[in-house]
Amino acid sequence: MRNPLTILLVEDNADDALLLKLAFAEAGPNADVRFVGDGNQAMDYLRGVPPFNQRAEHPVPNVLVLDLKMPGMDGFEVLRWLQQQPASDRITAVVFSGTCCQADTDRALALGAELCLEKPLDFRQLVGFAKGIVEEDLARTDSAAAA
């Protein structure tokens, strides 16, 4: 049986985080969704520093779902930092923001994000987003294992 995907959601809005958690639960049992509330916590989680230093409890994510507009360190700064990390190619970064204008999309993609999507207002669309993330990363994992 396949290990669940670990998805780290970086979201400062508690309501959006809850909706995403529900959407990933609806998308299937193969997604283990972890949450942090800002860019600094995301970096701490990814580096494995306290309180995220126990990797059995806080596994390295396969997918990083990142809001752009956050207080303190924003999503662009997290992407810039991630791009400089040696193992960054093992993490799929997806930007999921309230506003994704073309300039934000271009900047996020230039900083290594694979996709930049605007948060949908409809829960069914949110579930579709979650299913797409899970299925895309499962396909990537299967092709890497076959190589």
C-alpha atoms as a PDB file:
ATOM      1  CA  MET A   1       0.000   0.000   0.000  1.00  0.00           C
ATOM      2  CA  ARG A   2       1.215   3.455  -0.899  1.00  0.00           C
ATOM      3  CA  ASN A   3       2.314   5.923   1.795  1.00  0.00           C
ATOM      4  CA  PRO A   4       0.073   8.968   2.046  1.00  0.00           C
ATOM      5  CA  LEU A   5       1.250  12.179   0.492  1.00  0.00           C
ATOM      6  CA  THR A   6       2.287  14.768   3.021  1.00  0.00           C
ATOM      7  CA  ILE A   7       0.986  18.181   2.112  1.00  0.00           C
ATOM      8  CA  LEU A   8       2.121  21.259   3.997  1.00  0.00           C
ATOM      9  CA  LEU A   9      -0.449  24.025   3.764  1.00  0.00           C
ATOM     10  CA  VAL A  10       0.842  27.513   4.563  1.00  0.00           C
ATOM     11  CA  GLU A  11      -2.242  29.618   5.213  1.00  0.00           C
ATOM     12  CA  ASP A  12      -2.836  32.496   7.615  1.00  0.00           C
ATOM     13  CA  ASN A  13      -6.643  32.430   7.309  1.00  0.00           C
ATOM     14  CA  ALA A  14      -8.103  29.787   9.644  1.00  0.00           C
ATOM     15  CA  ASP A  15     -11.337  29.529   7.619  1.00  0.00           C
ATOM     16  CA  ASP A  16      -9.437  28.880   4.379  1.00  0.00           C
ATOM     17  CA  ALA A  17      -7.248  26.318   6.151  1.00  0.00           C
ATOM     18  CA  LEU A  18     -10.318  24.465   7.450  1.00  0.00           C
ATOM     19  CA  LEU A  19     -11.949  24.450   4.012  1.00  0.00           C
ATOM     20  CA  LEU A  20      -8.758  23.092   2.460  1.00  0.00           C
ATOM     21  CA  LYS A  21      -8.515  20.406   5.123  1.00  0.00           C
ATOM     22  CA  LEU A  22     -12.086  19.337   4.326  1.00  0.00           C
ATOM     23  CA  ALA A  23     -11.377  19.447   0.584  1.00  0.00           C
ATOM     24  CA  PHE A  24      -8.306  17.209   0.901  1.00  0.00           C
ATOM     25  CA  ALA A  25     -10.284  14.800   3.118  1.00  0.00           C
ATOM     26  CA  GLU A  26     -12.930  14.629   0.393  1.00  0.00           C
ATOM     27  CA  ALA A  27     -10.241  14.174  -2.265  1.00  0.00           C
ATOM     28  CA  GLY A  28      -9.216  10.854  -0.766  1.00  0.00           C
ATOM     29  CA  PRO A  29      -7.474   9.125   2.102  1.00  0.00           C
ATOM     30  CA  ASN A  30      -4.029   9.418   0.553  1.00  0.00           C
ATOM     31  CA  ALA A  31      -3.362  12.976   1.717  1.00  0.00           C
ATOM     32  CA  ASP A  32      -1.853  13.785   5.102  1.00  0.00           C
ATOM     33  CA  VAL A  33      -2.365  17.545   5.377  1.00  0.00           C
ATOM     34  CA  ARG A  34      -0.254  19.578   7.814  1.00  0.00           C
ATOM     35  CA  PHE A  35      -0.820  23.267   8.551  1.00  0.00           C
ATOM     36  CA  VAL A  36       1.304  26.229   9.497  1.00  0.00           C
ATOM     37  CA  GLY A  37       0.095  29.800   9.726  1.00  0.00           C
ATOM     38  CA  ASP A  38       2.872  31.819   8.104  1.00  0.00           C
ATOM     39  CA  GLY A  39       6.055  31.794   6.078  1.00  0.00           C
ATOM     40  CA  ASN A  40       8.387  31.664   9.080  1.00  0.00           C
ATOM     41  CA  GLN A  41       6.639  28.566  10.415  1.00  0.00           C
ATOM     42  CA  ALA A  42       6.825  27.006   6.943  1.00  0.00           C
ATOM     43  CA  MET A  43      10.584  27.485   6.841  1.00  0.00           C
ATOM     44  CA  ASP A  44      10.931  26.069  10.374  1.00  0.00           C
ATOM     45  CA  TYR A  45       8.836  23.048   9.402  1.00  0.00           C
ATOM     46  CA  LEU A  46      10.828  22.423   6.226  1.00  0.00           C
ATOM     47  CA  ARG A  47      14.162  22.808   8.049  1.00  0.00           C
ATOM     48  CA  GLY A  48      12.970  20.499  10.825  1.00  0.00           C
ATOM     49  CA  VAL A  49      13.725  22.874  13.669  1.00  0.00           C
ATOM     50  CA  PRO A  50      11.724  22.863  16.927  1.00  0.00           C
ATOM     51  CA  PRO A  51       8.850  22.406  17.300  1.00  0.00           C
ATOM     52  CA  PHE A  52       8.970  20.502  13.969  1.00  0.00           C
ATOM     53  CA  ASN A  53      12.171  18.530  14.612  1.00  0.00           C
ATOM     54  CA  GLN A  54      10.537  15.120  15.108  1.00  0.00           C
ATOM     55  CA  ARG A  55      10.218  13.885  11.507  1.00  0.00           C
ATOM     56  CA  ALA A  56       7.985  10.972  12.537  1.00  0.00           C
ATOM     57  CA  GLU A  57       5.450  13.573  13.691  1.00  0.00           C
ATOM     58  CA  HIS A  58       6.302  16.251  11.103  1.00  0.00           C
ATOM     59  CA  PRO A  59       7.366  14.476   7.895  1.00  0.00           C
ATOM     60  CA  VAL A  60       8.969  16.336   5.013  1.00  0.00           C
ATOM     61  CA  PRO A  61       6.123  17.231   2.656  1.00  0.00           C
ATOM     62  CA  ASN A  62       5.785  16.082  -0.929  1.00  0.00           C
ATOM     63  CA  VAL A  63       3.680  19.146  -1.715  1.00  0.00           C
ATOM     64  CA  LEU A  64       3.776  22.692  -0.398  1.00  0.00           C
ATOM     65  CA  VAL A  65       0.509  24.632  -0.863  1.00  0.00           C
ATOM     66  CA  LEU A  66       1.355  28.237  -0.245  1.00  0.00           C
ATOM     67  CA  ASP A  67      -0.655  31.409   0.176  1.00  0.00           C
ATOM     68  CA  LEU A  68       1.105  34.476  -1.208  1.00  0.00           C
ATOM     69  CA  LYS A  69      -0.322  37.258   0.914  1.00  0.00           C
ATOM     70  CA  MET A  70       0.592  36.607   4.534  1.00  0.00           C
ATOM     71  CA  PRO A  71       1.779  38.877   7.319  1.00  0.00           C
ATOM     72  CA  GLY A  72       5.498  38.758   8.025  1.00  0.00           C
ATOM     73  CA  MET A  73       7.212  36.520   5.490  1.00  0.00           C
ATOM     74  CA  ASP A  74       5.035  36.240   2.388  1.00  0.00           C
ATOM     75  CA  GLY A  75       4.765  33.344  -0.036  1.00  0.00           C
ATOM     76  CA  PHE A  76       7.255  34.835  -2.474  1.00  0.00           C
ATOM     77  CA  GLU A  77       9.923  34.895   0.238  1.00  0.00           C
ATOM     78  CA  VAL A  78       9.196  31.250   1.092  1.00  0.00           C
ATOM     79  CA  LEU A  79       9.521  30.281  -2.584  1.00  0.00           C
ATOM     80  CA  ARG A  80      12.798  32.213  -2.873  1.00  0.00           C
ATOM     81  CA  TRP A  81      14.159  30.460   0.229  1.00  0.00           C
ATOM     82  CA  LEU A  82      12.944  27.029  -0.958  1.00  0.00           C
ATOM     83  CA  GLN A  83      14.613  27.513  -4.333  1.00  0.00           C
ATOM     84  CA  GLN A  84      17.973  27.817  -2.545  1.00  0.00           C
ATOM     85  CA  GLN A  85      17.588  24.538  -0.621  1.00  0.00           C
ATOM     86  CA  PRO A  86      19.416  21.445  -1.908  1.00  0.00           C
ATOM     87  CA  ALA A  87      16.380  19.145  -1.686  1.00  0.00           C
ATOM     88  CA  SER A  88      13.883  21.640  -3.083  1.00  0.00           C
ATOM     89  CA  ASP A  89      13.329  19.552  -6.213  1.00  0.00           C
ATOM     90  CA  ARG A  90      11.658  16.896  -4.052  1.00  0.00           C
ATOM     91  CA  ILE A  91       8.873  19.270  -3.006  1.00  0.00           C
ATOM     92  CA  THR A  92       6.175  20.403  -5.404  1.00  0.00           C
ATOM     93  CA  ALA A  93       5.284  24.029  -4.655  1.00  0.00           C
ATOM     94  CA  VAL A  94       1.786  25.205  -5.535  1.00  0.00           C
ATOM     95  CA  VAL A  95       0.634  28.759  -4.920  1.00  0.00           C
ATOM     96  CA  PHE A  96      -2.975  29.041  -3.830  1.00  0.00           C
ATOM     97  CA  SER A  97      -3.864  32.627  -3.135  1.00  0.00           C
ATOM     98  CA  GLY A  98      -6.866  34.911  -2.826  1.00  0.00           C
ATOM     99  CA  THR A  99      -5.523  36.952  -5.704  1.00  0.00           C
ATOM    100  CA  CYS A 100      -3.269  35.616  -8.436  1.00  0.00           C
ATOM    101  CA  CYS A 101      -2.855  38.418 -10.932  1.00  0.00           C
ATOM    102  CA  GLN A 102      -0.594  37.760 -13.922  1.00  0.00           C
ATOM    103  CA  ALA A 103       2.361  39.534 -12.298  1.00  0.00           C
ATOM    104  CA  ASP A 104       2.020  37.364  -9.157  1.00  0.00           C
ATOM    105  CA  THR A 105       1.686  34.225 -11.267  1.00  0.00           C
ATOM    106  CA  ASP A 106       4.770  35.059 -13.335  1.00  0.00           C
ATOM    107  CA  ARG A 107       6.793  35.860 -10.219  1.00  0.00           C
ATOM    108  CA  ALA A 108       5.700  32.676  -8.410  1.00  0.00           C
ATOM    109  CA  LEU A 109       6.521  30.494 -11.424  1.00  0.00           C
ATOM    110  CA  ALA A 110       9.919  32.182 -11.781  1.00  0.00           C
ATOM    111  CA  LEU A 111      10.574  31.313  -8.128  1.00  0.00           C
ATOM    112  CA  GLY A 112       9.871  27.630  -8.716  1.00  0.00           C
ATOM    113  CA  ALA A 113       6.145  27.206  -8.140  1.00  0.00           C
ATOM    114  CA  GLU A 114       4.611  24.663 -10.489  1.00  0.00           C
ATOM    115  CA  LEU A 115       1.206  26.301 -10.457  1.00  0.00           C
ATOM    116  CA  CYS A 116      -0.457  29.484  -9.268  1.00  0.00           C
ATOM    117  CA  LEU A 117      -4.198  29.294  -8.682  1.00  0.00           C
ATOM    118  CA  GLU A 118      -6.730  31.696  -7.264  1.00  0.00           C
ATOM    119  CA  LYS A 119      -8.814  30.336  -4.396  1.00  0.00           C
ATOM    120  CA  PRO A 120     -12.214  29.290  -5.707  1.00  0.00           C
ATOM    121  CA  LEU A 121     -15.386  30.416  -3.994  1.00  0.00           C
ATOM    122  CA  ASP A 122     -17.138  27.074  -4.568  1.00  0.00           C
ATOM    123  CA  PHE A 123     -16.316  24.074  -2.350  1.00  0.00           C
ATOM    124  CA  ARG A 124     -16.655  21.610  -5.265  1.00  0.00           C
ATOM    125  CA  GLN A 125     -13.930  23.537  -7.106  1.00  0.00           C
ATOM    126  CA  LEU A 126     -11.795  23.388  -3.983  1.00  0.00           C
ATOM    127  CA  VAL A 127     -12.234  19.602  -3.840  1.00  0.00           C
ATOM    128  CA  GLY A 128     -11.298  19.463  -7.533  1.00  0.00           C
ATOM    129  CA  PHE A 129      -8.126  21.419  -6.736  1.00  0.00           C
ATOM    130  CA  ALA A 130      -7.286  18.995  -3.902  1.00  0.00           C
ATOM    131  CA  LYS A 131      -7.929  15.927  -6.093  1.00  0.00           C
ATOM    132  CA  GLY A 132      -5.734  17.404  -8.814  1.00  0.00           C
ATOM    133  CA  ILE A 133      -2.864  17.931  -6.369  1.00  0.00           C
ATOM    134  CA  VAL A 134      -3.154  14.391  -4.985  1.00  0.00           C
ATOM    135  CA  GLU A 135      -3.461  12.734  -8.408  1.00  0.00           C
ATOM    136  CA  GLU A 136      -0.623  14.766  -9.957  1.00  0.00           C
ATOM    137  CA  ASP A 137       1.760  13.984  -7.127  1.00  0.00           C
ATOM    138  CA  LEU A 138       0.795  10.303  -7.117  1.00  0.00           C
ATOM    139  CA  ALA A 139       1.529  10.149 -10.850  1.00  0.00           C
ATOM    140  CA  ARG A 140       4.877  11.896 -10.280  1.00  0.00           C
ATOM    141  CA  THR A 141       5.735   9.423  -7.484  1.00  0.00           C
ATOM    142  CA  ASP A 142       4.775   6.420  -9.647  1.00  0.00           C
ATOM    143  CA  SER A 143       6.879   7.599 -12.602  1.00  0.00           C
ATOM    144  CA  ALA A 144       9.870   8.304 -10.335  1.00  0.00           C
ATOM    145  CA  ALA A 145       9.591   4.835  -8.790  1.00  0.00           C
ATOM    146  CA  ALA A 146       9.432   3.209 -12.243  1.00  0.00           C
ATOM    147  CA  ALA A 147      12.572   5.045 -13.452  1.00  0.00           C
END
